[in-house]
């Protein structure tokens, strides 16, 4: 019993110094890290966000957030105008996560990047695939606009500013400054949070 007293004393001292855990603190560690990295995106620190999303994938490769982290790696590269790297990242979403909720967005970005790289034939092919595989989505509407066709009246909600701006360009391109960045509205921030 005397041997247990120091152990119990040590345990009680340590337990007393730990903060009480709230439900938010018991949240999935991959979610906590992912949410912290999304703050970097909201602050337009795409370099820091790239490093953070890569860390999410390294530490939590089987997380339900892995496909979203891979998508956001591509999105950060896109916003930094690193189109070749972004293309590879978006293809990783398509090939590694075929059931990802980010699949339509990644496919659309592939088509837009091909256009940026001057590969119009490849761009058209991929954008047609978006329309065919993801009909009645905001991504299909953006693809149709880039293909020069009017989107048909669809039963889905209107295209959000997160997906396309008034001129049909993604936020990273429309009204972008010299760095390809533009201010994010509260609506865009809310949509990004909902997208995780």
N, C-alpha and C. Protein backbone atom coordinates (compact mmCIF):
# COMPACT_ATOMS: atom_id res chain seq x y z
N UNK A 1 0.82 -1.18 0.00
CA UNK A 1 0.00 0.00 0.00
C UNK A 1 0.86 1.25 0.00
N UNK A 2 1.99 1.23 0.75
CA UNK A 2 2.86 2.40 0.79
C UNK A 2 3.42 2.72 -0.58
N UNK A 3 3.66 1.71 -1.43
CA UNK A 3 4.18 1.93 -2.78
C UNK A 3 3.13 2.62 -3.66
N UNK A 4 1.89 2.41 -3.37
CA UNK A 4 0.82 3.00 -4.17
C UNK A 4 0.58 4.47 -3.83
N UNK A 5 0.90 4.91 -2.63
CA UNK A 5 0.63 6.27 -2.19
C UNK A 5 1.34 7.28 -3.09
N UNK A 6 2.67 7.14 -3.36
CA UNK A 6 3.29 8.12 -4.25
C UNK A 6 2.65 8.12 -5.64
N UNK A 7 2.30 6.95 -6.15
CA UNK A 7 1.68 6.87 -7.47
C UNK A 7 0.34 7.59 -7.48
N UNK A 8 -0.49 7.34 -6.45
CA UNK A 8 -1.79 7.99 -6.38
C UNK A 8 -1.63 9.50 -6.21
N UNK A 9 -0.68 9.93 -5.39
CA UNK A 9 -0.42 11.35 -5.22
C UNK A 9 -0.01 11.99 -6.54
N UNK A 10 0.90 11.32 -7.27
CA UNK A 10 1.34 11.81 -8.58
C UNK A 10 0.16 11.91 -9.53
N UNK A 11 -0.68 10.87 -9.56
CA UNK A 11 -1.84 10.86 -10.44
C UNK A 11 -2.80 12.00 -10.11
N UNK A 12 -3.08 12.21 -8.83
CA UNK A 12 -4.00 13.27 -8.44
C UNK A 12 -3.43 14.65 -8.77
N UNK A 13 -2.14 14.84 -8.57
CA UNK A 13 -1.52 16.12 -8.90
C UNK A 13 -1.60 16.39 -10.41
N UNK A 14 -1.30 15.37 -11.19
CA UNK A 14 -1.36 15.52 -12.65
C UNK A 14 -2.79 15.75 -13.12
N UNK A 15 -3.71 15.00 -12.58
CA UNK A 15 -5.10 15.14 -12.99
C UNK A 15 -5.64 16.51 -12.62
N UNK A 16 -5.22 17.04 -11.47
CA UNK A 16 -5.67 18.35 -11.04
C UNK A 16 -5.12 19.46 -11.91
N UNK A 17 -3.98 19.24 -12.55
CA UNK A 17 -3.39 20.28 -13.38
C UNK A 17 -3.91 20.26 -14.80
N UNK A 18 -4.66 19.22 -15.17
CA UNK A 18 -5.21 19.14 -16.53
C UNK A 18 -6.51 19.92 -16.60
N UNK A 19 -6.73 20.64 -17.70
CA UNK A 19 -8.00 21.36 -17.84
C UNK A 19 -9.13 20.38 -18.07
N UNK A 20 -10.31 20.77 -17.65
CA UNK A 20 -11.48 19.94 -17.90
C UNK A 20 -11.72 19.91 -19.41
N UNK A 21 -12.09 18.75 -19.92
CA UNK A 21 -12.31 18.65 -21.36
C UNK A 21 -13.76 18.94 -21.68
N UNK A 22 -13.94 19.76 -22.65
CA UNK A 22 -15.28 20.07 -23.13
C UNK A 22 -15.55 19.20 -24.36
N UNK A 23 -16.79 19.13 -24.82
CA UNK A 23 -17.08 18.33 -26.01
C UNK A 23 -16.24 18.75 -27.21
N UNK A 24 -15.94 20.04 -27.35
CA UNK A 24 -15.14 20.50 -28.48
C UNK A 24 -13.71 19.95 -28.39
N UNK A 25 -13.21 19.78 -27.15
CA UNK A 25 -11.85 19.30 -26.99
C UNK A 25 -11.75 17.80 -27.25
N UNK A 26 -12.85 17.08 -27.11
CA UNK A 26 -12.82 15.65 -27.35
C UNK A 26 -13.08 15.33 -28.82
N UNK A 27 -13.20 16.35 -29.62
CA UNK A 27 -13.44 16.21 -31.06
C UNK A 27 -12.28 15.46 -31.72
N UNK A 28 -12.55 14.85 -32.83
CA UNK A 28 -11.58 14.12 -33.61
C UNK A 28 -10.33 14.99 -33.86
N UNK A 29 -9.13 14.46 -33.58
CA UNK A 29 -7.92 15.28 -33.77
C UNK A 29 -7.72 15.72 -35.22
N UNK A 30 -8.13 14.90 -36.17
CA UNK A 30 -7.99 15.30 -37.57
C UNK A 30 -8.89 16.50 -37.86
N UNK A 31 -10.07 16.54 -37.27
CA UNK A 31 -10.99 17.66 -37.46
C UNK A 31 -10.43 18.93 -36.85
N UNK A 32 -9.85 18.84 -35.66
CA UNK A 32 -9.28 20.02 -35.01
C UNK A 32 -8.15 20.60 -35.86
N UNK A 33 -7.27 19.73 -36.35
CA UNK A 33 -6.16 20.20 -37.18
C UNK A 33 -6.69 20.79 -38.48
N UNK A 34 -7.61 20.11 -39.12
CA UNK A 34 -8.20 20.57 -40.38
C UNK A 34 -8.84 21.94 -40.20
N UNK A 35 -9.60 22.11 -39.13
CA UNK A 35 -10.26 23.40 -38.88
C UNK A 35 -9.24 24.51 -38.65
N UNK A 36 -8.15 24.20 -37.96
CA UNK A 36 -7.11 25.22 -37.76
C UNK A 36 -6.48 25.62 -39.08
N UNK A 37 -6.27 24.64 -39.96
CA UNK A 37 -5.67 24.93 -41.26
C UNK A 37 -6.63 25.75 -42.12
N UNK A 38 -7.93 25.48 -42.01
CA UNK A 38 -8.91 26.27 -42.77
C UNK A 38 -8.86 27.74 -42.37
N UNK A 39 -8.47 28.02 -41.16
CA UNK A 39 -8.30 29.42 -40.74
C UNK A 39 -7.23 30.10 -41.59
N UNK A 40 -6.19 29.37 -41.95
CA UNK A 40 -5.14 29.92 -42.82
C UNK A 40 -5.72 30.26 -44.19
N UNK A 41 -6.60 29.41 -44.70
CA UNK A 41 -7.26 29.68 -45.98
C UNK A 41 -8.10 30.94 -45.86
N UNK A 42 -8.85 31.05 -44.79
CA UNK A 42 -9.70 32.24 -44.59
C UNK A 42 -8.87 33.51 -44.51
N UNK A 43 -7.66 33.39 -43.99
CA UNK A 43 -6.77 34.56 -43.91
C UNK A 43 -5.90 34.71 -45.16
N UNK A 44 -6.16 33.86 -46.15
CA UNK A 44 -5.47 33.89 -47.44
C UNK A 44 -3.96 33.64 -47.32
N UNK A 45 -3.57 32.90 -46.30
CA UNK A 45 -2.17 32.49 -46.16
C UNK A 45 -2.07 31.09 -46.76
N UNK A 46 -2.03 31.07 -48.08
CA UNK A 46 -2.10 29.80 -48.81
C UNK A 46 -0.85 28.95 -48.62
N UNK A 47 0.29 29.55 -48.40
CA UNK A 47 1.51 28.79 -48.14
C UNK A 47 1.37 28.01 -46.83
N UNK A 48 0.92 28.69 -45.79
CA UNK A 48 0.73 28.03 -44.50
C UNK A 48 -0.35 26.95 -44.61
N UNK A 49 -1.42 27.25 -45.35
CA UNK A 49 -2.49 26.28 -45.53
C UNK A 49 -1.99 25.04 -46.26
N UNK A 50 -1.16 25.24 -47.29
CA UNK A 50 -0.59 24.09 -48.00
C UNK A 50 0.15 23.18 -47.04
N UNK A 51 1.01 23.76 -46.22
CA UNK A 51 1.78 22.96 -45.26
C UNK A 51 0.84 22.27 -44.28
N UNK A 52 -0.18 22.97 -43.84
CA UNK A 52 -1.13 22.40 -42.90
C UNK A 52 -1.93 21.24 -43.47
N UNK A 53 -2.42 21.39 -44.70
CA UNK A 53 -3.19 20.30 -45.31
C UNK A 53 -2.31 19.10 -45.60
N UNK A 54 -1.07 19.35 -45.95
CA UNK A 54 -0.14 18.22 -46.13
C UNK A 54 0.08 17.50 -44.82
N UNK A 55 0.15 18.24 -43.72
CA UNK A 55 0.30 17.64 -42.40
C UNK A 55 -0.93 16.82 -42.03
N UNK A 56 -2.12 17.34 -42.36
CA UNK A 56 -3.35 16.58 -42.11
C UNK A 56 -3.27 15.23 -42.80
N UNK A 57 -2.84 15.24 -44.07
CA UNK A 57 -2.75 13.97 -44.81
C UNK A 57 -1.67 13.06 -44.26
N UNK A 58 -0.58 13.65 -43.80
CA UNK A 58 0.51 12.84 -43.25
C UNK A 58 0.11 12.18 -41.93
N UNK A 59 -0.54 12.95 -41.07
CA UNK A 59 -0.91 12.44 -39.75
C UNK A 59 -2.21 11.63 -39.76
N UNK A 60 -3.10 11.94 -40.67
CA UNK A 60 -4.42 11.31 -40.68
C UNK A 60 -4.81 10.85 -42.10
N UNK A 61 -4.02 9.97 -42.71
CA UNK A 61 -4.29 9.59 -44.10
C UNK A 61 -5.62 8.87 -44.32
N UNK A 62 -6.17 8.27 -43.29
CA UNK A 62 -7.43 7.53 -43.44
C UNK A 62 -8.63 8.30 -42.86
N UNK A 63 -8.41 9.54 -42.52
CA UNK A 63 -9.49 10.36 -41.97
C UNK A 63 -10.56 10.60 -43.02
N UNK A 64 -11.77 10.84 -42.54
CA UNK A 64 -12.85 11.19 -43.46
C UNK A 64 -12.60 12.55 -44.11
N UNK A 65 -11.64 13.30 -43.58
CA UNK A 65 -11.31 14.61 -44.13
C UNK A 65 -10.15 14.57 -45.12
N UNK A 66 -9.59 13.39 -45.37
CA UNK A 66 -8.42 13.28 -46.25
C UNK A 66 -8.71 13.80 -47.66
N UNK A 67 -9.85 13.46 -48.22
CA UNK A 67 -10.15 13.93 -49.58
C UNK A 67 -10.32 15.44 -49.61
N UNK A 68 -10.92 16.00 -48.57
CA UNK A 68 -11.08 17.45 -48.51
C UNK A 68 -9.73 18.14 -48.35
N UNK A 69 -8.85 17.56 -47.54
CA UNK A 69 -7.50 18.13 -47.38
C UNK A 69 -6.77 18.10 -48.72
N UNK A 70 -6.89 16.99 -49.45
CA UNK A 70 -6.23 16.90 -50.76
C UNK A 70 -6.82 17.93 -51.73
N UNK A 71 -8.14 18.11 -51.69
CA UNK A 71 -8.78 19.12 -52.53
C UNK A 71 -8.22 20.50 -52.20
N UNK A 72 -8.13 20.83 -50.92
CA UNK A 72 -7.68 22.15 -50.54
C UNK A 72 -6.20 22.38 -50.83
N UNK A 73 -5.43 21.32 -50.88
CA UNK A 73 -4.04 21.47 -51.35
C UNK A 73 -4.07 22.00 -52.78
N UNK A 74 -4.89 21.37 -53.61
CA UNK A 74 -5.04 21.82 -54.99
C UNK A 74 -5.58 23.23 -55.08
N UNK A 75 -6.56 23.54 -54.25
CA UNK A 75 -7.16 24.87 -54.27
C UNK A 75 -6.13 25.94 -53.87
N UNK A 76 -5.33 25.66 -52.86
CA UNK A 76 -4.29 26.63 -52.46
C UNK A 76 -3.27 26.82 -53.58
N UNK A 77 -2.88 25.72 -54.21
CA UNK A 77 -1.94 25.83 -55.32
C UNK A 77 -2.56 26.62 -56.48
N UNK A 78 -3.84 26.38 -56.73
CA UNK A 78 -4.55 27.11 -57.78
C UNK A 78 -4.55 28.60 -57.48
N UNK A 79 -4.87 28.95 -56.25
CA UNK A 79 -4.93 30.36 -55.86
C UNK A 79 -3.55 31.02 -55.88
N UNK A 80 -2.50 30.20 -55.74
CA UNK A 80 -1.13 30.71 -55.85
C UNK A 80 -0.64 30.69 -57.30
N UNK A 81 -1.55 30.31 -58.20
CA UNK A 81 -1.26 30.22 -59.65
C UNK A 81 -0.18 29.19 -59.99
N UNK A 82 -0.10 28.17 -59.20
CA UNK A 82 0.80 27.04 -59.46
C UNK A 82 -0.04 25.96 -60.13
N UNK A 83 -0.36 26.22 -61.37
CA UNK A 83 -1.35 25.39 -62.05
C UNK A 83 -0.92 23.95 -62.26
N UNK A 84 0.34 23.71 -62.57
CA UNK A 84 0.78 22.32 -62.77
C UNK A 84 0.67 21.51 -61.49
N UNK A 85 1.09 22.10 -60.37
CA UNK A 85 0.97 21.40 -59.09
C UNK A 85 -0.49 21.22 -58.70
N UNK A 86 -1.30 22.23 -58.95
CA UNK A 86 -2.72 22.14 -58.64
C UNK A 86 -3.37 21.03 -59.46
N UNK A 87 -3.00 20.92 -60.72
CA UNK A 87 -3.54 19.88 -61.58
C UNK A 87 -3.26 18.50 -60.99
N UNK A 88 -2.02 18.28 -60.55
CA UNK A 88 -1.65 17.01 -59.95
C UNK A 88 -2.47 16.76 -58.68
N UNK A 89 -2.64 17.78 -57.86
CA UNK A 89 -3.40 17.63 -56.62
C UNK A 89 -4.87 17.30 -56.88
N UNK A 90 -5.47 17.96 -57.86
CA UNK A 90 -6.87 17.67 -58.17
C UNK A 90 -7.02 16.28 -58.79
N UNK A 91 -6.05 15.86 -59.60
CA UNK A 91 -6.09 14.50 -60.11
C UNK A 91 -5.96 13.49 -58.98
N UNK A 92 -5.21 13.82 -57.92
CA UNK A 92 -5.11 12.94 -56.76
C UNK A 92 -6.46 12.77 -56.08
N UNK A 93 -7.25 13.83 -56.02
CA UNK A 93 -8.60 13.72 -55.45
C UNK A 93 -9.41 12.73 -56.28
N UNK A 94 -9.38 12.90 -57.59
CA UNK A 94 -10.17 12.06 -58.49
C UNK A 94 -9.74 10.59 -58.42
N UNK A 95 -8.44 10.35 -58.40
CA UNK A 95 -7.96 8.96 -58.44
C UNK A 95 -7.97 8.27 -57.07
N UNK A 96 -7.66 8.99 -56.02
CA UNK A 96 -7.58 8.37 -54.69
C UNK A 96 -8.91 8.33 -53.95
N UNK A 97 -9.79 9.26 -54.27
CA UNK A 97 -11.04 9.40 -53.51
C UNK A 97 -12.23 9.46 -54.45
N UNK A 98 -12.53 8.38 -55.17
CA UNK A 98 -13.59 8.42 -56.18
C UNK A 98 -14.99 8.66 -55.62
N UNK A 99 -15.18 8.54 -54.32
CA UNK A 99 -16.50 8.79 -53.72
C UNK A 99 -16.51 10.08 -52.89
N UNK A 100 -15.51 10.90 -53.08
CA UNK A 100 -15.37 12.14 -52.32
C UNK A 100 -16.46 13.14 -52.67
N UNK A 101 -16.93 13.88 -51.67
CA UNK A 101 -17.87 14.98 -51.97
C UNK A 101 -17.17 16.11 -52.74
N UNK A 102 -15.86 16.07 -52.81
CA UNK A 102 -15.09 17.09 -53.53
C UNK A 102 -14.81 16.68 -54.98
N UNK A 103 -15.34 15.55 -55.41
CA UNK A 103 -15.06 15.03 -56.75
C UNK A 103 -15.50 15.98 -57.86
N UNK A 104 -16.70 16.50 -57.77
CA UNK A 104 -17.19 17.43 -58.81
C UNK A 104 -16.33 18.68 -58.85
N UNK A 105 -16.00 19.23 -57.69
CA UNK A 105 -15.17 20.43 -57.63
C UNK A 105 -13.78 20.19 -58.17
N UNK A 106 -13.18 19.05 -57.83
CA UNK A 106 -11.84 18.74 -58.31
C UNK A 106 -11.85 18.56 -59.83
N UNK A 107 -12.87 17.89 -60.35
CA UNK A 107 -12.96 17.68 -61.80
C UNK A 107 -13.13 19.01 -62.52
N UNK A 108 -13.98 19.87 -61.99
CA UNK A 108 -14.15 21.20 -62.57
C UNK A 108 -12.82 21.96 -62.59
N UNK A 109 -12.11 21.93 -61.50
CA UNK A 109 -10.83 22.66 -61.43
C UNK A 109 -9.83 22.10 -62.44
N UNK A 110 -9.85 20.81 -62.68
CA UNK A 110 -8.96 20.23 -63.69
C UNK A 110 -9.27 20.86 -65.05
N UNK A 111 -10.55 20.96 -65.37
CA UNK A 111 -10.93 21.58 -66.65
C UNK A 111 -10.52 23.04 -66.72
N UNK A 112 -10.68 23.78 -65.64
CA UNK A 112 -10.31 25.19 -65.62
C UNK A 112 -8.79 25.37 -65.73
N UNK A 113 -8.05 24.47 -65.10
CA UNK A 113 -6.59 24.55 -65.18
C UNK A 113 -6.11 24.27 -66.59
N UNK A 114 -6.70 23.28 -67.24
CA UNK A 114 -6.31 23.03 -68.64
C UNK A 114 -6.52 24.28 -69.49
N UNK A 115 -7.60 24.99 -69.25
CA UNK A 115 -7.85 26.23 -70.00
C UNK A 115 -6.75 27.25 -69.69
N UNK A 116 -6.38 27.36 -68.42
CA UNK A 116 -5.31 28.29 -68.02
C UNK A 116 -3.98 27.93 -68.70
N UNK A 117 -3.75 26.64 -68.88
CA UNK A 117 -2.51 26.16 -69.48
C UNK A 117 -2.56 26.18 -71.01
N UNK A 118 -3.67 26.66 -71.58
CA UNK A 118 -3.80 26.75 -73.03
C UNK A 118 -4.14 25.43 -73.71
N UNK A 119 -4.59 24.47 -72.95
CA UNK A 119 -4.96 23.16 -73.50
C UNK A 119 -6.48 23.10 -73.63
N UNK A 120 -6.98 23.84 -74.63
CA UNK A 120 -8.41 24.02 -74.78
C UNK A 120 -9.15 22.71 -75.06
N UNK A 121 -8.56 21.83 -75.85
CA UNK A 121 -9.21 20.56 -76.17
C UNK A 121 -9.39 19.72 -74.90
N UNK A 122 -8.34 19.65 -74.08
CA UNK A 122 -8.43 18.91 -72.82
C UNK A 122 -9.43 19.57 -71.87
N UNK A 123 -9.40 20.90 -71.84
CA UNK A 123 -10.32 21.64 -70.98
C UNK A 123 -11.76 21.33 -71.37
N UNK A 124 -12.07 21.40 -72.65
CA UNK A 124 -13.43 21.14 -73.12
C UNK A 124 -13.86 19.73 -72.76
N UNK A 125 -12.98 18.76 -72.95
CA UNK A 125 -13.31 17.37 -72.65
C UNK A 125 -13.65 17.18 -71.16
N UNK A 126 -12.85 17.76 -70.30
CA UNK A 126 -13.08 17.62 -68.86
C UNK A 126 -14.34 18.38 -68.44
N UNK A 127 -14.53 19.57 -68.97
CA UNK A 127 -15.73 20.33 -68.62
C UNK A 127 -17.00 19.62 -69.08
N UNK A 128 -16.94 18.98 -70.24
CA UNK A 128 -18.08 18.17 -70.71
C UNK A 128 -18.34 17.02 -69.74
N UNK A 129 -17.28 16.43 -69.23
CA UNK A 129 -17.42 15.34 -68.26
C UNK A 129 -18.11 15.85 -66.98
N UNK A 130 -17.76 17.05 -66.55
CA UNK A 130 -18.41 17.63 -65.36
C UNK A 130 -19.91 17.73 -65.61
N UNK A 131 -20.29 18.25 -66.78
CA UNK A 131 -21.71 18.41 -67.10
C UNK A 131 -22.41 17.05 -67.13
N UNK A 132 -21.76 16.05 -67.71
CA UNK A 132 -22.36 14.72 -67.83
C UNK A 132 -22.42 13.97 -66.50
N UNK A 133 -21.34 14.02 -65.74
CA UNK A 133 -21.27 13.22 -64.51
C UNK A 133 -21.90 13.90 -63.30
N UNK A 134 -21.97 15.22 -63.32
CA UNK A 134 -22.49 15.95 -62.16
C UNK A 134 -23.57 16.95 -62.59
N UNK A 135 -24.61 16.46 -63.28
CA UNK A 135 -25.66 17.37 -63.74
C UNK A 135 -26.38 18.01 -62.55
N UNK A 136 -26.96 19.15 -62.80
CA UNK A 136 -27.74 19.86 -61.79
C UNK A 136 -26.93 20.23 -60.55
N UNK A 137 -25.66 20.52 -60.76
CA UNK A 137 -24.80 20.97 -59.66
C UNK A 137 -24.25 22.35 -60.02
N UNK A 138 -23.81 23.09 -59.02
CA UNK A 138 -23.16 24.37 -59.32
C UNK A 138 -21.93 24.19 -60.21
N UNK A 139 -21.21 23.09 -60.03
CA UNK A 139 -20.03 22.83 -60.86
C UNK A 139 -20.41 22.64 -62.32
N UNK A 140 -21.54 21.97 -62.59
CA UNK A 140 -22.01 21.79 -63.97
C UNK A 140 -22.38 23.13 -64.58
N UNK A 141 -22.98 24.01 -63.78
CA UNK A 141 -23.33 25.34 -64.30
C UNK A 141 -22.08 26.13 -64.69
N UNK A 142 -21.06 26.05 -63.85
CA UNK A 142 -19.80 26.75 -64.16
C UNK A 142 -19.19 26.15 -65.43
N UNK A 143 -19.19 24.83 -65.53
CA UNK A 143 -18.64 24.17 -66.71
C UNK A 143 -19.38 24.60 -67.97
N UNK A 144 -20.71 24.65 -67.90
CA UNK A 144 -21.49 25.08 -69.06
C UNK A 144 -21.14 26.50 -69.47
N UNK A 145 -20.97 27.38 -68.51
CA UNK A 145 -20.60 28.77 -68.82
C UNK A 145 -19.24 28.82 -69.51
N UNK A 146 -18.30 28.00 -69.03
CA UNK A 146 -16.98 28.00 -69.65
C UNK A 146 -17.00 27.35 -71.03
N UNK A 147 -17.97 26.50 -71.26
CA UNK A 147 -18.13 25.88 -72.57
C UNK A 147 -18.90 26.80 -73.52
N UNK A 148 -19.37 27.92 -73.00
CA UNK A 148 -20.09 28.88 -73.83
C UNK A 148 -21.54 28.52 -74.04
N UNK A 149 -22.07 27.67 -73.18
CA UNK A 149 -23.48 27.28 -73.29
C UNK A 149 -24.22 27.81 -72.08
N UNK A 150 -25.44 28.19 -72.30
CA UNK A 150 -26.26 28.66 -71.19
C UNK A 150 -26.70 27.48 -70.36
N UNK A 151 -26.52 27.61 -69.06
CA UNK A 151 -27.04 26.53 -68.21
C UNK A 151 -28.56 26.48 -68.30
N UNK A 152 -29.10 25.29 -68.40
CA UNK A 152 -30.55 25.12 -68.42
C UNK A 152 -31.08 25.43 -67.03
N UNK A 153 -32.35 25.67 -66.97
CA UNK A 153 -32.96 25.89 -65.67
C UNK A 153 -32.84 24.57 -64.91
N UNK A 154 -32.26 24.66 -63.74
CA UNK A 154 -32.04 23.45 -62.95
C UNK A 154 -32.77 23.55 -61.63
N UNK A 155 -32.97 22.41 -61.02
CA UNK A 155 -33.70 22.35 -59.76
C UNK A 155 -32.80 22.61 -58.57
N UNK A 156 -31.51 22.81 -58.80
CA UNK A 156 -30.60 23.03 -57.69
C UNK A 156 -30.57 24.49 -57.30
N UNK A 157 -30.03 24.79 -56.11
CA UNK A 157 -29.93 26.19 -55.70
C UNK A 157 -28.99 26.95 -56.61
N UNK A 158 -29.06 28.27 -56.61
CA UNK A 158 -28.18 29.05 -57.49
C UNK A 158 -26.72 28.83 -57.16
N UNK A 159 -25.88 29.08 -58.14
CA UNK A 159 -24.44 28.91 -57.97
C UNK A 159 -23.97 29.89 -56.91
N UNK A 160 -23.17 29.40 -55.99
CA UNK A 160 -22.67 30.25 -54.92
C UNK A 160 -21.47 31.05 -55.40
N UNK A 161 -21.17 32.11 -54.69
CA UNK A 161 -19.99 32.91 -55.01
C UNK A 161 -18.72 32.10 -54.84
N UNK A 162 -18.76 31.07 -53.96
CA UNK A 162 -17.59 30.23 -53.73
C UNK A 162 -17.21 29.49 -55.01
N UNK A 163 -18.20 29.10 -55.80
CA UNK A 163 -17.93 28.33 -57.01
C UNK A 163 -17.66 29.24 -58.19
N UNK A 164 -18.43 30.33 -58.32
CA UNK A 164 -18.29 31.18 -59.49
C UNK A 164 -18.71 32.60 -59.13
N UNK A 165 -18.10 33.54 -59.79
CA UNK A 165 -18.47 34.94 -59.59
C UNK A 165 -19.37 35.38 -60.74
N UNK A 166 -19.70 36.67 -60.79
CA UNK A 166 -20.59 37.17 -61.83
C UNK A 166 -20.07 36.92 -63.23
N UNK A 167 -18.75 36.96 -63.42
CA UNK A 167 -18.21 36.76 -64.77
C UNK A 167 -17.93 35.30 -65.09
N UNK A 168 -18.40 34.39 -64.22
CA UNK A 168 -18.25 32.97 -64.50
C UNK A 168 -16.91 32.40 -64.14
N UNK A 169 -16.09 33.18 -63.47
CA UNK A 169 -14.77 32.71 -63.10
C UNK A 169 -14.76 32.31 -61.64
N UNK A 170 -13.92 31.33 -61.27
CA UNK A 170 -13.80 30.98 -59.85
C UNK A 170 -13.25 32.18 -59.09
N UNK A 171 -13.47 32.25 -57.79
CA UNK A 171 -13.03 33.40 -57.01
C UNK A 171 -11.55 33.71 -57.16
N UNK A 172 -10.73 32.71 -57.35
CA UNK A 172 -9.29 32.94 -57.47
C UNK A 172 -8.95 33.71 -58.74
N UNK A 173 -9.88 33.74 -59.71
CA UNK A 173 -9.59 34.41 -60.98
C UNK A 173 -10.38 35.70 -61.12
N UNK A 174 -11.63 35.70 -60.71
CA UNK A 174 -12.50 36.85 -60.92
C UNK A 174 -12.09 38.00 -60.02
N UNK A 175 -11.84 39.15 -60.60
CA UNK A 175 -11.51 40.32 -59.83
C UNK A 175 -10.25 40.17 -59.01
N UNK A 176 -9.45 39.22 -59.34
CA UNK A 176 -8.26 38.94 -58.55
C UNK A 176 -7.21 40.00 -58.77
N UNK A 177 -6.46 40.24 -57.73
CA UNK A 177 -5.35 41.18 -57.80
C UNK A 177 -4.14 40.50 -58.41
N UNK A 178 -2.98 41.13 -58.30
CA UNK A 178 -1.78 40.57 -58.90
C UNK A 178 -1.40 39.21 -58.35
N UNK A 179 -1.83 38.89 -57.15
CA UNK A 179 -1.49 37.60 -56.56
C UNK A 179 -2.58 36.55 -56.81
N UNK A 180 -3.67 36.94 -57.48
CA UNK A 180 -4.76 36.01 -57.73
C UNK A 180 -5.68 35.87 -56.53
N UNK A 181 -5.56 36.78 -55.57
CA UNK A 181 -6.37 36.71 -54.36
C UNK A 181 -7.44 37.77 -54.39
N UNK A 182 -8.56 37.47 -53.80
CA UNK A 182 -9.60 38.48 -53.66
C UNK A 182 -10.25 38.29 -52.31
N UNK A 183 -10.83 39.36 -51.77
CA UNK A 183 -11.44 39.25 -50.45
C UNK A 183 -12.55 38.21 -50.45
N UNK A 184 -12.69 37.55 -49.33
CA UNK A 184 -13.70 36.52 -49.19
C UNK A 184 -14.86 37.10 -48.40
N UNK A 185 -16.08 36.88 -48.89
CA UNK A 185 -17.25 37.40 -48.20
C UNK A 185 -17.61 36.49 -47.04
N UNK A 186 -18.47 36.98 -46.16
CA UNK A 186 -18.94 36.15 -45.05
C UNK A 186 -19.68 34.94 -45.58
N UNK A 187 -20.41 35.12 -46.69
CA UNK A 187 -21.14 34.00 -47.29
C UNK A 187 -20.15 32.93 -47.77
N UNK A 188 -19.06 33.34 -48.39
CA UNK A 188 -18.04 32.39 -48.85
C UNK A 188 -17.43 31.66 -47.67
N UNK A 189 -17.14 32.38 -46.59
CA UNK A 189 -16.56 31.74 -45.42
C UNK A 189 -17.51 30.69 -44.86
N UNK A 190 -18.78 31.02 -44.79
CA UNK A 190 -19.78 30.07 -44.28
C UNK A 190 -19.87 28.86 -45.19
N UNK A 191 -19.79 29.08 -46.51
CA UNK A 191 -19.86 27.96 -47.45
C UNK A 191 -18.65 27.06 -47.32
N UNK A 192 -17.47 27.64 -47.12
CA UNK A 192 -16.27 26.83 -46.94
C UNK A 192 -16.39 25.98 -45.69
N UNK A 193 -16.91 26.58 -44.61
CA UNK A 193 -17.07 25.81 -43.38
C UNK A 193 -18.04 24.66 -43.61
N UNK A 194 -19.11 24.90 -44.32
CA UNK A 194 -20.08 23.85 -44.59
C UNK A 194 -19.51 22.78 -45.50
N UNK A 195 -18.52 23.12 -46.31
CA UNK A 195 -17.95 22.18 -47.27
C UNK A 195 -17.04 21.17 -46.60
N UNK A 196 -16.60 21.42 -45.38
CA UNK A 196 -15.67 20.49 -44.74
C UNK A 196 -16.43 19.26 -44.38
